[in-house]
Amino acid sequence: MSGLSRRNHDAESELEKKLQQRRTVDYFTPVGKYMITKNVYNRRRRRALPIGSIRPAASYVTDLPPSLISSPSIVDLSSKFVHISTNKSKHAIHAVKWTPDARRVLVSSYSGEFTLWNGLTFNFESIMQAHDVPIFSLEYSHSGKWLLSGDMSGCIKFWQPNFNNVNILSKAHENTVGELAFSPNDSKFLSCSDDQTLKVWDFSTATEECTLKGHHWDVKGCDWHSSLGLVVSGSKDNLVKLWDPRDGTCITTLHDFKHTVSKTVFQKGGNERLLAACSRDHSTRIFDLRMLRAVSVIKSDKETDLTSLAWHPIHSTMLSIGGYDGSLSHYDVSKTADIEAFSRTAPKSELNSDKTSGSVSKSGGGNVPDYLLNTYVNRGAPIVSDAWHSIPYAHDRAIYTMEYHPLGHMLCTAGADKSMRFWCRARPGDEAGFNDAAHLGAAAANVAKVDDAREVSGTESRADLGDATEGSVLPGFSIPGFS
């Protein structure tokens, strides 16, 4: 082999090694097909064409519709790992947001940088130095015309969608700005900080309107209701407070948690009357704003601190929760407590509670059944411990933030492992969909890959042996029934 041919051979071998499959999640095809199916009518029957059923086979991936309210919620679970994105200079990520056009993902890092990633092919697009200190919060306005960012020094910056900085509130807070939220009409915005306060600001004049005081420790999360004059906050003092943003008064305080409240988010769809809050006491509680009490309690099966959560934008009862150990779980919160049934099955004469000691016992002596005791202690709220779907190794470390795509077909998570990961819906009949490192762990996933490779090689060898056997038979001399 000559030197030129050897160099060409080496170049081809290096090219083969570097070639990798680039994954992409194209939502244009299912959306376009759904629009055509719904708008093309059958003239004879005078009704829209049926959307077509999906069966557990790979060929039915073309019939997978976009996330719809009419379709079962479990179909739209973001359970399939798609891609991992990391910067060259790796830092912890505390906030991610989809851009208003839903084509890109904006990531803020501990180094104070903005990084923009493509949401279709997941490739890097741009990076810029936005703050001099770590960024902990991001929020787009509902109109998509403005962006707010808050950092560790208490500074809040105003940005246009093209990342043109137009205003700076250098002393908005005395400590880290943990979270930001816009009012429904974008005229006001809310900020919470580790200085134990929340502040309501006028967006057009960038002036403070009122300060919400009442927490006794760092305020970790806040949210502004999408249709009500209501603001929620969660703090390190284990309290969840509901506020009136017009006069800054505290409406009520919820004392259900026993540790730091990490995140508080109002329901974004449906009747918008639910509030989800997760805590470091290994629980997430769903509150009904009409009763101001918990209607469901989600207990982590791994006994880990819960650090982030997100409502699904299409299915209003689907909730995704991230843990400190890097696990990701999806839950259905549509099942609420039947208070009347509980009162019938557990009358007042059956349970006696000692207010001084907090113990619960039966009037006739003996221990109270576990299910009855749990329901009594949680004031009728059912305890949910089994997730719809759980990804135990979604991240290597804590998940600090997560954000759903506006269409609901993809979920973006990021955290302390200095990486951002994309998750999408599983394909129909994908047998190897859950045999990856996110579900099994790195070691078990490698073993599964080796087993799959052996199975494939064994199948190919048997097929080659069958072809050789068939080729050895002379034409016209085959035995009927054995050929």
Protein backbone atom coordinates (compact mmCIF):
# COMPACT_ATOMS: atom_id res chain seq x y z
CA MET A 1 0.00 0.00 0.00
CA SER A 2 1.45 3.36 -1.03
CA GLY A 3 1.76 6.32 1.31
CA LEU A 4 -1.10 8.25 -0.35
CA SER A 5 -3.50 5.33 -0.19
CA ARG A 6 -2.50 4.67 3.44
CA ARG A 7 -3.25 8.29 4.38
CA ASN A 8 -6.62 8.11 2.62
CA HIS A 9 -7.41 4.89 4.46
CA ASP A 10 -6.49 6.46 7.82
CA ALA A 11 -8.61 9.52 7.05
CA GLU A 12 -11.59 7.35 6.16
CA SER A 13 -11.19 5.31 9.35
CA GLU A 14 -11.02 8.49 11.48
CA LEU A 15 -14.11 9.82 9.70
CA GLU A 16 -15.99 6.62 10.45
CA LYS A 17 -15.05 6.88 14.12
CA LYS A 18 -16.13 10.52 14.38
CA LEU A 19 -19.45 10.04 12.59
CA GLN A 20 -22.26 10.05 15.12
CA GLN A 21 -25.98 9.96 14.78
CA ARG A 22 -27.43 13.43 15.33
CA ARG A 23 -30.84 13.17 16.90
CA THR A 24 -33.63 15.59 16.14
CA VAL A 25 -37.20 15.89 17.30
CA ASP A 26 -39.29 17.34 14.47
CA TYR A 27 -42.71 18.50 15.63
CA PHE A 28 -43.72 19.98 12.26
CA THR A 29 -44.76 16.63 10.76
CA PRO A 30 -47.26 15.56 13.46
CA VAL A 31 -48.68 19.07 13.75
CA GLY A 32 -49.08 19.39 9.97
CA LYS A 33 -50.63 15.96 9.65
CA TYR A 34 -53.03 16.68 12.49
CA MET A 35 -54.11 19.99 10.93
CA ILE A 36 -54.71 18.34 7.55
CA THR A 37 -56.67 15.49 9.12
CA LYS A 38 -58.86 17.84 11.12
CA ASN A 39 -59.52 20.26 8.25
CA VAL A 40 -60.10 17.79 5.39
CA TYR A 41 -63.72 16.63 5.47
CA ASN A 42 -65.34 13.56 4.05
CA ARG A 43 -68.08 14.95 1.79
CA ARG A 44 -70.08 11.76 1.86
CA ARG A 45 -70.20 11.45 5.66
CA ARG A 46 -69.91 15.20 6.24
CA ARG A 47 -67.50 14.94 9.11
CA ALA A 48 -63.78 15.20 9.72
CA LEU A 49 -61.51 12.30 8.96
CA PRO A 50 -60.57 10.16 11.99
CA ILE A 51 -57.16 10.76 13.52
CA GLY A 52 -56.06 7.15 13.39
CA SER A 53 -55.12 4.88 16.23
CA ILE A 54 -51.59 4.13 17.37
CA ARG A 55 -50.42 0.58 17.93
CA PRO A 56 -47.21 -0.60 19.62
CA ALA A 57 -45.16 -0.81 16.44
CA ALA A 58 -42.40 1.41 15.09
CA SER A 59 -44.27 1.98 11.83
CA TYR A 60 -47.00 3.87 13.69
CA VAL A 61 -44.65 6.69 14.66
CA THR A 62 -46.08 8.68 11.73
CA ASP A 63 -49.50 8.56 13.40
CA LEU A 64 -48.20 9.96 16.69
CA PRO A 65 -50.18 13.21 17.07
CA PRO A 66 -49.04 16.34 18.91
CA SER A 67 -49.86 16.66 22.59
CA LEU A 68 -53.64 16.96 22.78
CA ILE A 69 -56.05 17.40 25.65
CA SER A 70 -58.27 14.72 24.12
CA SER A 71 -55.49 12.10 24.05
CA PRO A 72 -54.52 10.12 27.19
CA SER A 73 -52.05 11.99 29.36
CA ILE A 74 -49.75 9.01 29.73
CA VAL A 75 -49.06 9.04 25.98
CA ASP A 76 -47.36 12.43 26.31
CA LEU A 77 -44.94 11.51 29.08
CA SER A 78 -41.44 12.84 28.41
CA SER A 79 -39.68 9.57 29.21
CA LYS A 80 -37.19 9.14 26.35
CA PHE A 81 -33.70 10.61 26.65
CA VAL A 82 -32.77 12.56 23.52
CA HIS A 83 -29.65 14.66 23.98
CA ILE A 84 -27.27 16.17 26.52
CA SER A 85 -25.83 19.66 26.01
CA THR A 86 -22.85 21.07 27.90
CA ASN A 87 -20.68 24.15 27.55
CA LYS A 88 -16.93 23.94 27.10
CA SER A 89 -16.59 25.82 30.38
CA LYS A 90 -18.88 23.80 32.62
CA HIS A 91 -20.85 25.45 35.41
CA ALA A 92 -23.98 24.66 37.39
CA ILE A 93 -27.26 25.70 35.73
CA HIS A 94 -30.04 27.27 37.79
CA ALA A 95 -32.48 28.50 35.12
CA VAL A 96 -33.58 27.47 31.62
CA LYS A 97 -36.31 29.00 29.46
CA TRP A 98 -37.70 28.27 26.01
CA THR A 99 -37.63 31.37 23.83
CA PRO A 100 -41.01 32.87 22.81
CA ASP A 101 -40.78 31.30 19.33
CA ALA A 102 -40.15 27.89 20.99
CA ARG A 103 -37.23 27.19 18.63
CA ARG A 104 -34.37 27.65 21.10
CA VAL A 105 -33.52 27.17 24.77
CA LEU A 106 -31.92 29.93 26.83
CA VAL A 107 -29.63 28.71 29.62
CA SER A 108 -28.16 30.80 32.43
CA SER A 109 -25.07 29.44 34.15
CA TYR A 110 -23.20 29.99 37.39
CA SER A 111 -20.55 31.90 35.43
CA GLY A 112 -23.05 34.65 34.53
CA GLU A 113 -23.35 33.63 30.86
CA PHE A 114 -26.33 33.24 28.54
CA THR A 115 -26.10 30.21 26.26
CA LEU A 116 -28.52 29.62 23.40
CA TRP A 117 -29.18 26.07 22.16
CA ASN A 118 -31.24 24.95 19.19
CA GLY A 119 -34.39 23.17 20.36
CA LEU A 120 -34.75 21.10 17.17
CA THR A 121 -31.27 19.70 16.51
CA PHE A 122 -29.83 20.55 19.99
CA ASN A 123 -26.69 22.19 18.63
CA PHE A 124 -24.96 25.21 20.16
CA GLU A 125 -25.87 28.61 18.69
CA SER A 126 -24.45 31.48 20.73
CA ILE A 127 -23.03 32.54 24.09
CA MET A 128 -22.62 35.91 25.80
CA GLN A 129 -21.56 37.31 29.17
CA ALA A 130 -24.78 38.70 30.67
CA HIS A 131 -23.87 39.17 34.37
CA ASP A 132 -20.65 39.39 36.33
CA VAL A 133 -21.95 37.00 39.00
CA PRO A 134 -23.99 33.77 38.88
CA ILE A 135 -27.50 34.00 37.37
CA PHE A 136 -30.27 32.31 39.33
CA SER A 137 -33.49 33.38 37.58
CA LEU A 138 -34.90 33.98 34.10
CA GLU A 139 -38.38 34.95 32.98
CA TYR A 140 -39.92 35.89 29.61
CA SER A 141 -42.97 38.15 29.49
CA HIS A 142 -46.24 36.66 28.28
CA SER A 143 -46.03 38.77 25.13
CA GLY A 144 -42.51 37.47 24.42
CA LYS A 145 -41.12 40.98 23.97
CA TRP A 146 -39.07 41.18 27.17
CA LEU A 147 -36.75 39.08 29.29
CA LEU A 148 -35.77 39.51 32.94
CA SER A 149 -32.73 38.00 34.65
CA GLY A 150 -31.66 38.08 38.29
CA ASP A 151 -28.29 37.26 39.81
CA MET A 152 -26.58 36.54 43.12
CA SER A 153 -25.85 40.20 43.93
CA GLY A 154 -29.54 41.17 43.84
CA CYS A 155 -29.35 42.80 40.40
CA ILE A 156 -32.20 42.52 37.87
CA LYS A 157 -31.60 43.23 34.18
CA PHE A 158 -34.09 43.97 31.40
CA TRP A 159 -33.43 42.43 27.98
CA GLN A 160 -35.01 42.45 24.55
CA PRO A 161 -35.39 39.13 22.68
CA ASN A 162 -32.20 39.91 20.72
CA PHE A 163 -30.36 40.21 24.09
CA ASN A 164 -30.04 43.96 23.97
CA ASN A 165 -29.74 45.16 27.57
CA VAL A 166 -32.07 48.14 28.08
CA ASN A 167 -32.21 48.61 31.86
CA ILE A 168 -30.46 47.51 35.06
CA LEU A 169 -31.76 47.51 38.64
CA SER A 170 -28.44 47.16 40.40
CA LYS A 171 -29.86 47.17 43.95
CA ALA A 172 -33.21 45.49 43.46
CA HIS A 173 -32.52 43.17 46.41
CA GLU A 174 -29.86 42.86 49.06
CA ASN A 175 -29.22 39.21 48.25
CA THR A 176 -29.72 36.56 45.55
CA VAL A 177 -32.77 36.97 43.31
CA GLY A 178 -34.20 33.45 43.43
CA GLU A 179 -37.11 33.74 41.01
CA LEU A 180 -39.05 36.18 38.82
CA ALA A 181 -42.66 36.21 37.59
CA PHE A 182 -44.74 38.50 35.36
CA SER A 183 -48.31 39.59 36.02
CA PRO A 184 -50.96 38.38 33.52
CA ASN A 185 -50.86 41.64 31.51
CA ASP A 186 -47.06 42.14 31.81
CA SER A 187 -47.50 45.55 33.47
CA LYS A 188 -45.99 44.32 36.76
CA PHE A 189 -43.48 41.72 37.77
CA LEU A 190 -42.57 39.95 40.99
CA SER A 191 -39.17 39.08 42.44
CA CYS A 192 -38.19 37.02 45.48
CA SER A 193 -34.85 36.99 47.21
CA ASP A 194 -32.75 35.47 49.97
CA ASP A 195 -33.19 38.76 51.88
CA GLN A 196 -36.54 37.33 53.15
CA THR A 197 -38.69 39.63 50.99
CA LEU A 198 -40.73 39.71 47.80
CA LYS A 199 -41.15 42.87 45.75
CA VAL A 200 -43.77 43.96 43.23
CA TRP A 201 -42.38 46.22 40.49
CA ASP A 202 -43.93 48.39 37.81
CA PHE A 203 -42.38 47.20 34.57
CA SER A 204 -42.69 50.38 32.48
CA THR A 205 -41.11 52.66 35.10
CA ALA A 206 -38.91 50.01 36.78
CA THR A 207 -39.97 51.28 40.20
CA GLU A 208 -40.85 49.31 43.30
CA GLU A 209 -44.55 49.38 44.23
CA CYS A 210 -44.64 47.34 47.43
CA THR A 211 -42.58 44.92 49.49
CA LEU A 212 -44.11 41.69 50.78
CA LYS A 213 -42.69 40.95 54.23
CA GLY A 214 -43.64 37.97 56.38
CA HIS A 215 -41.09 35.23 55.80
CA HIS A 216 -38.37 34.68 58.38
CA TRP A 217 -35.75 33.13 56.10
CA ASP A 218 -34.69 32.97 52.43
CA VAL A 219 -37.56 33.06 49.92
CA LYS A 220 -36.80 30.30 47.43
CA GLY A 221 -39.74 30.41 45.00
CA CYS A 222 -42.60 32.62 43.85
CA ASP A 223 -45.27 32.71 41.16
CA TRP A 224 -48.03 35.03 39.91
CA HIS A 225 -51.39 33.47 39.08
CA SER A 226 -52.33 33.69 35.40
CA SER A 227 -55.90 34.93 35.97
CA LEU A 228 -56.29 35.86 39.65
CA GLY A 229 -54.82 38.68 41.70
CA LEU A 230 -52.80 36.18 43.69
CA VAL A 231 -49.12 35.65 44.42
CA VAL A 232 -47.52 32.64 46.11
CA SER A 233 -44.15 32.29 47.80
CA GLY A 234 -42.21 29.44 49.39
CA SER A 235 -39.42 29.93 51.88
CA LYS A 236 -36.67 28.28 53.85
CA ASP A 237 -38.82 28.77 56.97
CA ASN A 238 -41.01 25.84 55.75
CA LEU A 239 -43.97 28.17 54.98
CA VAL A 240 -46.05 28.73 51.85
CA LYS A 241 -47.75 32.13 51.77
CA LEU A 242 -50.45 33.53 49.49
CA TRP A 243 -50.41 37.30 48.95
CA ASP A 244 -52.57 40.03 47.46
CA PRO A 245 -50.18 41.88 45.11
CA ARG A 246 -52.35 45.02 45.09
CA ASP A 247 -51.79 45.99 48.72
CA GLY A 248 -49.11 43.51 49.78
CA THR A 249 -51.16 41.77 52.47
CA CYS A 250 -50.77 38.09 53.33
CA ILE A 251 -54.00 36.20 52.63
CA THR A 252 -53.08 32.92 54.28
CA THR A 253 -50.12 30.83 55.41
CA LEU A 254 -49.85 27.08 54.81
CA HIS A 255 -47.92 25.13 57.46
CA ASP A 256 -47.93 21.71 55.76
CA PHE A 257 -44.20 21.31 55.15
CA LYS A 258 -41.47 20.34 57.59
CA HIS A 259 -38.44 21.58 55.64
CA THR A 260 -37.39 24.17 53.06
CA VAL A 261 -39.96 24.83 50.32
CA SER A 262 -37.96 24.66 47.08
CA LYS A 263 -40.52 25.56 44.41
CA THR A 264 -44.09 26.90 44.19
CA VAL A 265 -45.96 26.92 40.87
CA PHE A 266 -49.60 27.61 40.01
CA GLN A 267 -51.45 25.30 37.64
CA LYS A 268 -51.11 26.62 34.07
CA GLY A 269 -54.06 24.85 32.43
CA GLY A 270 -57.42 23.34 33.23
CA ASN A 271 -59.37 25.28 35.85
CA GLU A 272 -56.14 26.89 37.16
CA ARG A 273 -57.19 26.33 40.77
CA LEU A 274 -54.33 24.12 41.91
CA LEU A 275 -51.00 25.03 43.45
CA ALA A 276 -48.00 22.68 43.54
CA ALA A 277 -45.17 23.08 46.03
CA CYS A 278 -42.18 20.78 46.58
CA SER A 279 -39.96 20.66 49.62
CA ARG A 280 -36.83 19.15 51.07
CA ASP A 281 -38.97 17.03 53.40
CA HIS A 282 -39.26 14.54 50.48
CA SER A 283 -42.83 15.56 49.61
CA THR A 284 -44.79 17.57 47.07
CA ARG A 285 -48.23 18.86 48.01
CA ILE A 286 -51.05 19.90 45.72
CA PHE A 287 -53.23 22.65 47.21
CA ASP A 288 -56.73 23.62 46.11
CA LEU A 289 -57.03 27.42 46.12
CA ARG A 290 -60.77 27.20 46.77
CA MET A 291 -60.30 25.27 50.02
CA LEU A 292 -56.79 26.50 50.88
CA ARG A 293 -55.76 23.00 51.85
CA ALA A 294 -53.80 20.09 50.42
CA VAL A 295 -55.79 17.70 48.25
CA SER A 296 -52.90 15.40 47.37
CA VAL A 297 -49.53 14.53 48.89
CA ILE A 298 -46.78 13.07 46.71
CA LYS A 299 -44.11 11.23 48.66
CA SER A 300 -40.76 10.50 47.05
CA ASP A 301 -40.17 6.75 46.91
CA LYS A 302 -36.41 7.34 47.19
CA GLU A 303 -36.54 9.55 50.29
CA THR A 304 -34.71 12.36 48.52
CA ASP A 305 -35.08 16.13 48.66
CA LEU A 306 -37.25 17.57 45.89
CA THR A 307 -35.74 20.60 44.18
CA SER A 308 -37.81 21.42 41.09
CA LEU A 309 -41.18 20.84 39.44
CA ALA A 310 -43.13 21.82 36.33
CA TRP A 311 -46.73 21.53 35.13
CA HIS A 312 -47.37 20.10 31.68
CA PRO A 313 -48.60 22.90 29.36
CA ILE A 314 -51.28 20.74 27.68
CA HIS A 315 -52.35 18.18 30.28
CA SER A 316 -53.22 20.21 33.35
CA THR A 317 -53.02 17.25 35.75
CA MET A 318 -49.54 16.06 34.76
CA LEU A 319 -46.74 17.13 37.08
CA SER A 320 -43.00 16.50 36.68
CA ILE A 321 -40.74 16.59 39.74
CA GLY A 322 -36.93 16.63 39.97
CA GLY A 323 -34.96 15.39 42.96
CA TYR A 324 -31.69 16.22 44.65
CA ASP A 325 -30.29 12.83 43.64
CA GLY A 326 -30.90 13.57 39.94
CA SER A 327 -34.10 11.53 39.59
CA LEU A 328 -37.03 12.67 37.46
CA SER A 329 -40.62 11.50 38.05
CA HIS A 330 -43.97 12.17 36.40
CA TYR A 331 -47.24 12.09 38.36
CA ASP A 332 -50.97 12.35 37.74
CA VAL A 333 -52.68 14.65 40.25
CA SER A 334 -56.21 14.24 38.89
CA LYS A 335 -57.14 11.95 41.79
CA THR A 336 -58.15 14.08 44.76
CA ALA A 337 -59.50 13.21 48.17
CA ASP A 338 -63.12 12.23 48.66
CA ILE A 339 -63.76 14.02 51.94
CA GLU A 340 -67.31 12.69 52.31
CA ALA A 341 -66.17 9.11 51.82
CA PHE A 342 -63.45 9.62 54.41
CA SER A 343 -65.96 11.01 56.92
CA ARG A 344 -68.19 7.98 56.37
CA THR A 345 -65.41 5.42 56.74
CA ALA A 346 -63.75 7.18 59.70
CA PRO A 347 -66.40 8.79 61.96
CA LYS A 348 -65.33 11.09 64.74
CA SER A 349 -66.07 8.48 67.41
CA GLU A 350 -63.56 6.10 65.84
CA LEU A 351 -60.52 8.36 66.10
CA ASN A 352 -59.30 10.15 69.19
CA SER A 353 -56.51 12.68 68.86
CA ASP A 354 -54.41 13.99 71.72
CA LYS A 355 -53.76 17.65 70.92
CA THR A 356 -50.95 17.90 73.44
CA SER A 357 -48.93 14.97 72.13
CA GLY A 358 -50.26 14.90 68.57
CA SER A 359 -50.91 11.14 68.74
CA VAL A 360 -53.86 9.41 67.11
CA SER A 361 -55.53 6.27 68.41
CA LYS A 362 -58.78 4.32 68.25
CA SER A 363 -61.42 4.84 70.91
CA GLY A 364 -61.54 1.09 71.59
CA GLY A 365 -57.79 0.76 71.93
CA GLY A 366 -55.23 -0.69 69.56
CA ASN A 367 -53.41 0.87 66.63
CA VAL A 368 -55.07 2.77 63.82
CA PRO A 369 -54.61 1.22 60.34
CA ASP A 370 -51.86 2.85 58.33
CA TYR A 371 -54.11 4.07 55.53
CA LEU A 372 -56.54 5.60 58.06
CA LEU A 373 -53.77 7.20 60.08
CA ASN A 374 -52.11 8.69 56.98
CA THR A 375 -55.38 10.11 55.73
CA TYR A 376 -56.22 11.54 59.14
CA VAL A 377 -52.84 13.17 59.66
CA ASN A 378 -52.86 14.68 56.14
CA ARG A 379 -56.40 16.04 56.63
CA GLY A 380 -58.01 13.78 54.06
CA ALA A 381 -55.37 14.21 51.35
CA PRO A 382 -54.44 10.92 49.66
CA ILE A 383 -50.77 9.99 49.63
CA VAL A 384 -49.31 9.18 46.20
CA SER A 385 -46.04 7.25 46.20
CA ASP A 386 -46.14 5.49 42.82
CA ALA A 387 -45.16 7.66 39.87
CA TRP A 388 -46.56 7.27 36.38
CA HIS A 389 -43.00 7.03 35.18
CA SER A 390 -39.72 7.43 37.02
CA ILE A 391 -36.23 8.04 35.62
CA PRO A 392 -33.86 7.31 38.53
CA TYR A 393 -30.64 8.38 36.78
CA ALA A 394 -31.87 11.36 34.76
CA HIS A 395 -28.99 13.51 36.06
CA ASP A 396 -25.83 12.77 37.98
CA ARG A 397 -26.65 15.38 40.61
CA ALA A 398 -29.52 17.65 41.69
CA ILE A 399 -32.03 18.96 39.14
CA TYR A 400 -32.38 22.69 39.79
CA THR A 401 -34.72 23.66 36.97
CA MET A 402 -36.97 22.20 34.27
CA GLU A 403 -39.10 23.67 31.52
CA TYR A 404 -41.61 22.13 29.10
CA HIS A 405 -41.78 23.03 25.44
CA PRO A 406 -44.96 25.08 24.80
CA LEU A 407 -46.33 22.23 22.66
CA GLY A 408 -45.73 19.78 25.50
CA HIS A 409 -43.82 17.16 23.50
CA MET A 410 -40.41 17.84 25.05
CA LEU A 411 -38.95 18.56 28.48
CA CYS A 412 -35.67 20.31 29.25
CA THR A 413 -33.92 19.75 32.59
CA ALA A 414 -30.68 21.12 34.06
CA GLY A 415 -28.92 21.21 37.38
CA ALA A 416 -25.82 20.74 39.46
CA ASP A 417 -24.15 18.26 37.09
CA LYS A 418 -23.44 21.23 34.76
CA SER A 419 -25.44 19.79 31.87
CA MET A 420 -28.79 20.29 30.20
CA ARG A 421 -30.77 17.28 29.00
CA PHE A 422 -33.69 16.94 26.62
CA TRP A 423 -36.49 14.39 27.04
CA CYS A 424 -39.23 13.54 24.56
CA ARG A 425 -42.14 11.14 24.20
CA ALA A 426 -41.33 7.48 23.65
CA ARG A 427 -41.89 6.00 20.20
CA PRO A 428 -44.58 3.35 19.73
CA GLY A 429 -43.23 -0.16 20.32
CA ASP A 430 -39.70 0.98 21.19
CA GLU A 431 -38.37 -2.09 23.03
CA ALA A 432 -35.03 -0.45 23.83
CA GLY A 433 -36.59 2.84 24.90
CA PHE A 434 -35.88 2.33 28.60
CA ASN A 435 -32.62 0.36 28.31
CA ASP A 436 -30.42 3.43 28.58
CA ALA A 437 -28.20 4.90 31.28
CA ALA A 438 -30.94 7.23 32.50
CA HIS A 439 -33.21 4.33 33.48
CA LEU A 440 -30.74 1.56 34.32
CA GLY A 441 -27.58 3.41 35.29
CA ALA A 442 -24.33 3.52 33.35
CA ALA A 443 -23.07 0.05 34.36
CA ALA A 444 -26.36 -1.75 33.74
CA ALA A 445 -26.83 0.08 30.43
CA ASN A 446 -23.42 -1.11 29.19
CA VAL A 447 -24.32 -4.69 30.11
CA ALA A 448 -27.61 -4.34 28.26
CA LYS A 449 -25.80 -3.05 25.17
CA VAL A 450 -23.42 -6.02 25.23
CA ASP A 451 -26.33 -8.45 25.56
CA ASP A 452 -28.17 -6.78 22.68
CA ALA A 453 -25.05 -6.94 20.51
CA ARG A 454 -24.62 -10.63 21.27
CA GLU A 455 -28.26 -11.30 20.46
CA VAL A 456 -27.98 -9.45 17.15
CA SER A 457 -24.76 -11.25 16.22
CA GLY A 458 -26.32 -14.60 17.12
CA THR A 459 -29.35 -13.85 14.97
CA GLU A 460 -27.14 -12.86 12.04
CA SER A 461 -25.01 -16.01 12.37
CA ARG A 462 -28.11 -18.20 12.43
CA ALA A 463 -29.43 -16.40 9.37
CA ASP A 464 -26.12 -16.90 7.54
CA LEU A 465 -26.14 -20.58 8.48
CA GLY A 466 -29.66 -20.91 7.15
CA ASP A 467 -28.69 -19.26 3.87
CA ALA A 468 -25.70 -21.58 3.51
CA THR A 469 -27.88 -24.64 4.18
CA GLU A 470 -30.44 -23.52 1.63
CA GLY A 471 -27.70 -22.91 -0.92
CA SER A 472 -26.25 -26.41 -0.47
CA VAL A 473 -29.44 -28.12 -1.66
CA LEU A 474 -29.33 -28.98 -5.36
CA PRO A 475 -32.20 -27.68 -7.47
CA GLY A 476 -34.81 -30.32 -8.10
CA PHE A 477 -33.61 -32.63 -5.28
CA SER A 478 -35.37 -31.02 -2.34
CA ILE A 479 -37.50 -33.25 -0.14
CA PRO A 480 -41.13 -32.12 0.08
CA GLY A 481 -41.98 -30.87 3.55
CA PHE A 482 -38.32 -30.45 4.58
CA SER A 483 -37.05 -27.86 2.11
